[in-house]
Amino acid sequence: MKQAIKDHSYTVVRLIVFQLAADILGYITSSAAGMMSASWVLPVSSVFCVCFYLFLVAAVCYEYGQKDGIRIESGKMQKKPWKFFVIGLCANALNLLLAVFAVIGRVITNAPMSGFLTETYSPAWASTLSEVSAFLARALQTMYIGLMQSISDRNVILLLFIPIPAILTAGISYLVGIEFKDGFKNGSTKENKTDRYS
C-alpha cells in the first residue's frame, strides 16, 4: 500500500488540484445562483459542478487503469484492484479529517459533561472545533454546497459522505480502465471477432 501511494503521489496531487478547480467553479456558480430568485438553480448548478469534478477524476484514473491493464496482461505487474480506491482516499484525506473533527466537536458540544459540583458544561473548544472544521470542509468542497443546502445546511454528518463519490469514482474508473485497456469500442470489436470465428 505504501509503495502504491509513493508511486502515485503525483496522481494524488492531480486529484487535489482537480478538487480545487471544481471548488473554484462551485464558488462562482453558487454565487451566481444565489443572486437568482429561482430556488432550483443552486442545486442544479451544484450537480453540474459535482459531475464535472467526478468526470475529471474518472478520466485520469481510467487512463492509469488502461496503462496498468497492458502491464498486467504482459505479466509485468500484478493486478491490485484496491489501489485507486486508496489513491482516492489519500486525495480526500483532508476532507475526511475535517469532517471527523466537525462531527466529534458537534457530539461533544451536544453531550454536556458533569462539572465538579452539580453544573454541567459543554467545552467551548468543542463548539469552535466543530464550527471551524465544518467551515473549512465546506470551503474546500463548494461544488457540493447546493446539494448540502437542499438536504441540511447544518448537518455535519453529511460532510463524512461528501468524499465518497470521488473515492468510488477513482477506484471504479481504474478497474474499468484495466478491463477495457484497448478502449470500449476496440475491446468490444475484438470480442465480436473472436466470437464470430470461434
Foldseek 3Di string as FASTA:
>chain_A
DVVLCVVCVVVLVVLLVLLQVLLVQLVVQQVVQVVDPDLVSNQVQLVVSVVSSLVVLLVVLLLLLLVVLVCVVVVNDPDDLCSQLVSLCSSCVLLQVLLVQLVQLVVQQVDWDQDPPRDTDRDPVSVVSNVVSQVVSCSSRSSCVSVCVVVPVPDSNVSNVVSVSSSVSSSVSSNVSSVPSVHPVVVVVVVVVVVVVD
